[in-house]
């Protein structure tokens, strides 16, 4: 009966490990080198675990259970930090693009305003010069 409990415990730990790895692969993408290395290491560990005797397997699992949990928590924490950094980076790029577009629109708006005011001034100067010519002719 203790053999059955050991098998159940080993299967449970391996299943938890597989679920955690699947979550990590989902976050990093299936083609990431990190995810591929992790899956390979876990596969190697599973083969070694299957080759151990029952007593050695039980001892190994007891020693490694806490280490697995700590390692998975650290990996998930790093992934969360990386995701936050990536989101911040993306947001800053979007903000920079919006600022650049706004600056370009403002520059063209200013140039257009300046051009229109210069045309208006030239038009007024031309009108004044015509009026001065008329007043000279009438005198």
C-alpha atoms as a PDB file:
ATOM      1  CA  UNK A   1       0.000   0.000   0.000  1.00  0.00           C
ATOM      2  CA  UNK A   2       2.873   2.401   0.716  1.00  0.00           C
ATOM      3  CA  UNK A   3       4.137   1.629  -2.777  1.00  0.00           C
ATOM      4  CA  UNK A   4       0.814   2.842  -4.179  1.00  0.00           C
ATOM      5  CA  UNK A   5       1.011   6.059  -2.134  1.00  0.00           C
ATOM      6  CA  UNK A   6       4.579   6.639  -3.368  1.00  0.00           C
ATOM      7  CA  UNK A   7       3.467   6.133  -6.975  1.00  0.00           C
ATOM      8  CA  UNK A   8       0.504   8.458  -6.459  1.00  0.00           C
ATOM      9  CA  UNK A   9       2.731  11.102  -4.856  1.00  0.00           C
ATOM     10  CA  UNK A  10       5.282  10.857  -7.661  1.00  0.00           C
ATOM     11  CA  UNK A  11       2.572  11.068 -10.296  1.00  0.00           C
ATOM     12  CA  UNK A  12       1.032  14.069  -8.523  1.00  0.00           C
ATOM     13  CA  UNK A  13       4.322  15.926  -8.312  1.00  0.00           C
ATOM     14  CA  UNK A  14       5.189  15.184 -11.927  1.00  0.00           C
ATOM     15  CA  UNK A  15       1.682  16.272 -12.974  1.00  0.00           C
ATOM     16  CA  UNK A  16       2.003  19.546 -11.029  1.00  0.00           C
ATOM     17  CA  UNK A  17       5.384  20.086 -12.615  1.00  0.00           C
ATOM     18  CA  UNK A  18       3.969  19.464 -16.085  1.00  0.00           C
ATOM     19  CA  UNK A  19       1.128  21.939 -15.466  1.00  0.00           C
ATOM     20  CA  UNK A  20       3.580  24.582 -14.278  1.00  0.00           C
ATOM     21  CA  UNK A  21       5.778  24.011 -17.316  1.00  0.00           C
ATOM     22  CA  UNK A  22       2.759  24.261 -19.615  1.00  0.00           C
ATOM     23  CA  UNK A  23       1.889  27.608 -18.008  1.00  0.00           C
ATOM     24  CA  UNK A  24       5.474  28.814 -18.469  1.00  0.00           C
ATOM     25  CA  UNK A  25       5.529  27.643 -22.094  1.00  0.00           C
ATOM     26  CA  UNK A  26       2.226  29.438 -22.685  1.00  0.00           C
ATOM     27  CA  UNK A  27       3.744  32.665 -21.341  1.00  0.00           C
ATOM     28  CA  UNK A  28       7.080  32.434 -23.162  1.00  0.00           C
ATOM     29  CA  UNK A  29       5.845  30.820 -26.363  1.00  0.00           C
ATOM     30  CA  UNK A  30       6.475  27.266 -27.529  1.00  0.00           C
ATOM     31  CA  UNK A  31       9.431  28.255 -29.713  1.00  0.00           C
ATOM     32  CA  UNK A  32      11.420  30.006 -26.978  1.00  0.00           C
ATOM     33  CA  UNK A  33      14.774  28.431 -26.165  1.00  0.00           C
ATOM     34  CA  UNK A  34      14.011  28.716 -22.454  1.00  0.00           C
ATOM     35  CA  UNK A  35      10.789  26.719 -22.800  1.00  0.00           C
ATOM     36  CA  UNK A  36      12.444  24.065 -24.971  1.00  0.00           C
ATOM     37  CA  UNK A  37      15.325  23.649 -22.506  1.00  0.00           C
ATOM     38  CA  UNK A  38      12.917  23.440 -19.604  1.00  0.00           C
ATOM     39  CA  UNK A  39      10.799  20.775 -21.289  1.00  0.00           C
ATOM     40  CA  UNK A  40      13.946  18.786 -22.142  1.00  0.00           C
ATOM     41  CA  UNK A  41      15.267  18.953 -18.569  1.00  0.00           C
ATOM     42  CA  UNK A  42      11.938  17.862 -17.170  1.00  0.00           C
ATOM     43  CA  UNK A  43      11.760  14.969 -19.619  1.00  0.00           C
ATOM     44  CA  UNK A  44      15.280  13.887 -18.615  1.00  0.00           C
ATOM     45  CA  UNK A  45      14.345  14.148 -14.952  1.00  0.00           C
ATOM     46  CA  UNK A  46      11.195  12.104 -15.505  1.00  0.00           C
ATOM     47  CA  UNK A  47      13.207   9.312 -17.188  1.00  0.00           C
ATOM     48  CA  UNK A  48      15.707   9.306 -14.306  1.00  0.00           C
ATOM     49  CA  UNK A  49      12.862   9.255 -11.811  1.00  0.00           C
ATOM     50  CA  UNK A  50      11.286   6.265 -13.538  1.00  0.00           C
ATOM     51  CA  UNK A  51      14.602   4.390 -13.479  1.00  0.00           C
ATOM     52  CA  UNK A  52      15.055   4.806  -9.692  1.00  0.00           C
ATOM     53  CA  UNK A  53      14.006   2.172  -7.219  1.00  0.00           C
ATOM     54  CA  UNK A  54      10.893   2.813  -5.166  1.00  0.00           C
ATOM     55  CA  UNK A  55      12.823   3.819  -2.031  1.00  0.00           C
ATOM     56  CA  UNK A  56      15.202   6.083  -3.965  1.00  0.00           C
ATOM     57  CA  UNK A  57      12.291   7.640  -5.846  1.00  0.00           C
ATOM     58  CA  UNK A  58      10.435   8.391  -2.619  1.00  0.00           C
ATOM     59  CA  UNK A  59      13.581   9.931  -1.083  1.00  0.00           C
ATOM     60  CA  UNK A  60      14.309  11.951  -4.230  1.00  0.00           C
ATOM     61  CA  UNK A  61      10.773  13.307  -4.411  1.00  0.00           C
ATOM     62  CA  UNK A  62      10.787  14.253  -0.734  1.00  0.00           C
ATOM     63  CA  UNK A  63      14.034  16.190  -1.182  1.00  0.00           C
ATOM     64  CA  UNK A  64      13.115  17.849  -4.446  1.00  0.00           C
ATOM     65  CA  UNK A  65       9.474  18.815  -3.824  1.00  0.00           C
ATOM     66  CA  UNK A  66      10.317  22.080  -2.050  1.00  0.00           C
ATOM     67  CA  UNK A  67      13.066  22.929  -4.537  1.00  0.00           C
ATOM     68  CA  UNK A  68      10.694  22.407  -7.454  1.00  0.00           C
ATOM     69  CA  UNK A  69       8.115  24.708  -5.935  1.00  0.00           C
ATOM     70  CA  UNK A  70      10.689  27.426  -5.182  1.00  0.00           C
ATOM     71  CA  UNK A  71      12.172  27.201  -8.663  1.00  0.00           C
ATOM     72  CA  UNK A  72       8.776  27.373 -10.344  1.00  0.00           C
ATOM     73  CA  UNK A  73       7.781  30.368  -8.202  1.00  0.00           C
ATOM     74  CA  UNK A  74      11.018  32.173  -9.142  1.00  0.00           C
ATOM     75  CA  UNK A  75      10.496  31.427 -12.833  1.00  0.00           C
ATOM     76  CA  UNK A  76       6.899  32.660 -12.699  1.00  0.00           C
ATOM     77  CA  UNK A  77       8.009  35.806 -10.841  1.00  0.00           C
ATOM     78  CA  UNK A  78      10.657  36.520 -13.484  1.00  0.00           C
ATOM     79  CA  UNK A  79       8.149  35.958 -16.271  1.00  0.00           C
ATOM     80  CA  UNK A  80       5.743  38.369 -14.599  1.00  0.00           C
ATOM     81  CA  UNK A  81       8.503  40.978 -14.285  1.00  0.00           C
ATOM     82  CA  UNK A  82       9.485  40.428 -17.912  1.00  0.00           C
ATOM     83  CA  UNK A  83       5.866  40.752 -19.039  1.00  0.00           C
ATOM     84  CA  UNK A  84       5.531  44.004 -17.056  1.00  0.00           C
ATOM     85  CA  UNK A  85       8.747  45.351 -18.607  1.00  0.00           C
ATOM     86  CA  UNK A  86       7.567  44.369 -22.087  1.00  0.00           C
ATOM     87  CA  UNK A  87       4.223  46.083 -21.490  1.00  0.00           C
ATOM     88  CA  UNK A  88       5.947  49.241 -20.227  1.00  0.00           C
ATOM     89  CA  UNK A  89       8.312  49.169 -23.213  1.00  0.00           C
ATOM     90  CA  UNK A  90       5.397  48.802 -25.626  1.00  0.00           C
ATOM     91  CA  UNK A  91       3.530  51.639 -23.927  1.00  0.00           C
ATOM     92  CA  UNK A  92       6.546  53.925 -24.141  1.00  0.00           C
ATOM     93  CA  UNK A  93       6.957  53.158 -27.844  1.00  0.00           C
ATOM     94  CA  UNK A  94       3.295  53.976 -28.459  1.00  0.00           C
ATOM     95  CA  UNK A  95       3.668  57.220 -26.470  1.00  0.00           C
ATOM     96  CA  UNK A  96       6.774  58.166 -28.465  1.00  0.00           C
ATOM     97  CA  UNK A  97       5.007  57.516 -31.781  1.00  0.00           C
ATOM     98  CA  UNK A  98       1.992  59.582 -30.677  1.00  0.00           C
ATOM     99  CA  UNK A  99       4.294  62.415 -29.565  1.00  0.00           C
ATOM    100  CA  UNK A 100       6.144  62.283 -32.891  1.00  0.00           C
ATOM    101  CA  UNK A 101       2.894  62.393 -34.881  1.00  0.00           C
ATOM    102  CA  UNK A 102       1.592  65.253 -32.765  1.00  0.00           C
ATOM    103  CA  UNK A 103       4.867  67.162 -33.270  1.00  0.00           C
ATOM    104  CA  UNK A 104       4.728  66.675 -37.042  1.00  0.00           C
ATOM    105  CA  UNK A 105       1.088  67.818 -37.178  1.00  0.00           C
ATOM    106  CA  UNK A 106       1.939  70.833 -35.007  1.00  0.00           C
ATOM    107  CA  UNK A 107       4.873  71.736 -37.252  1.00  0.00           C
ATOM    108  CA  UNK A 108       2.756  71.564 -40.404  1.00  0.00           C
ATOM    109  CA  UNK A 109      -0.011  73.511 -38.666  1.00  0.00           C
ATOM    110  CA  UNK A 110       2.442  76.218 -37.661  1.00  0.00           C
ATOM    111  CA  UNK A 111       3.896  76.413 -41.175  1.00  0.00           C
ATOM    112  CA  UNK A 112       0.405  76.641 -42.658  1.00  0.00           C
ATOM    113  CA  UNK A 113      -0.583  79.388 -40.205  1.00  0.00           C
ATOM    114  CA  UNK A 114       2.616  81.309 -40.934  1.00  0.00           C
ATOM    115  CA  UNK A 115       2.094  80.992 -44.688  1.00  0.00           C
ATOM    116  CA  UNK A 116      -1.522  82.170 -44.471  1.00  0.00           C
ATOM    117  CA  UNK A 117      -0.628  85.175 -42.296  1.00  0.00           C
ATOM    118  CA  UNK A 118       2.185  86.141 -44.703  1.00  0.00           C
ATOM    119  CA  UNK A 119      -0.227  85.965 -47.634  1.00  0.00           C
ATOM    120  CA  UNK A 120      -2.700  88.120 -45.759  1.00  0.00           C
ATOM    121  CA  UNK A 121       0.018  90.673 -44.939  1.00  0.00           C
ATOM    122  CA  UNK A 122       1.159  90.773 -48.583  1.00  0.00           C
ATOM    123  CA  UNK A 123      -2.432  91.219 -49.675  1.00  0.00           C
ATOM    124  CA  UNK A 124      -2.888  94.117 -47.248  1.00  0.00           C
ATOM    125  CA  UNK A 125       0.396  95.706 -48.345  1.00  0.00           C
ATOM    126  CA  UNK A 126      -0.634  95.403 -51.979  1.00  0.00           C
ATOM    127  CA  UNK A 127      -3.989  96.989 -51.182  1.00  0.00           C
ATOM    128  CA  UNK A 128      -2.250  99.856 -49.334  1.00  0.00           C
ATOM    129  CA  UNK A 129       0.139 100.437 -52.221  1.00  0.00           C
ATOM    130  CA  UNK A 130      -2.818 100.557 -54.647  1.00  0.00           C
ATOM    131  CA  UNK A 131      -4.588 103.053 -52.405  1.00  0.00           C
ATOM    132  CA  UNK A 132      -1.445 105.166 -52.203  1.00  0.00           C
ATOM    133  CA  UNK A 133      -1.120 105.131 -55.993  1.00  0.00           C
ATOM    134  CA  UNK A 134      -4.776 106.197 -56.316  1.00  0.00           C
ATOM    135  CA  UNK A 135      -4.331 108.958 -53.853  1.00  0.00           C
ATOM    136  CA  UNK A 136      -1.219 110.173 -55.733  1.00  0.00           C
ATOM    137  CA  UNK A 137      -3.120 110.156 -59.041  1.00  0.00           C
ATOM    138  CA  UNK A 138      -6.014 112.044 -57.588  1.00  0.00           C
ATOM    139  CA  UNK A 139      -3.695 114.730 -56.191  1.00  0.00           C
END
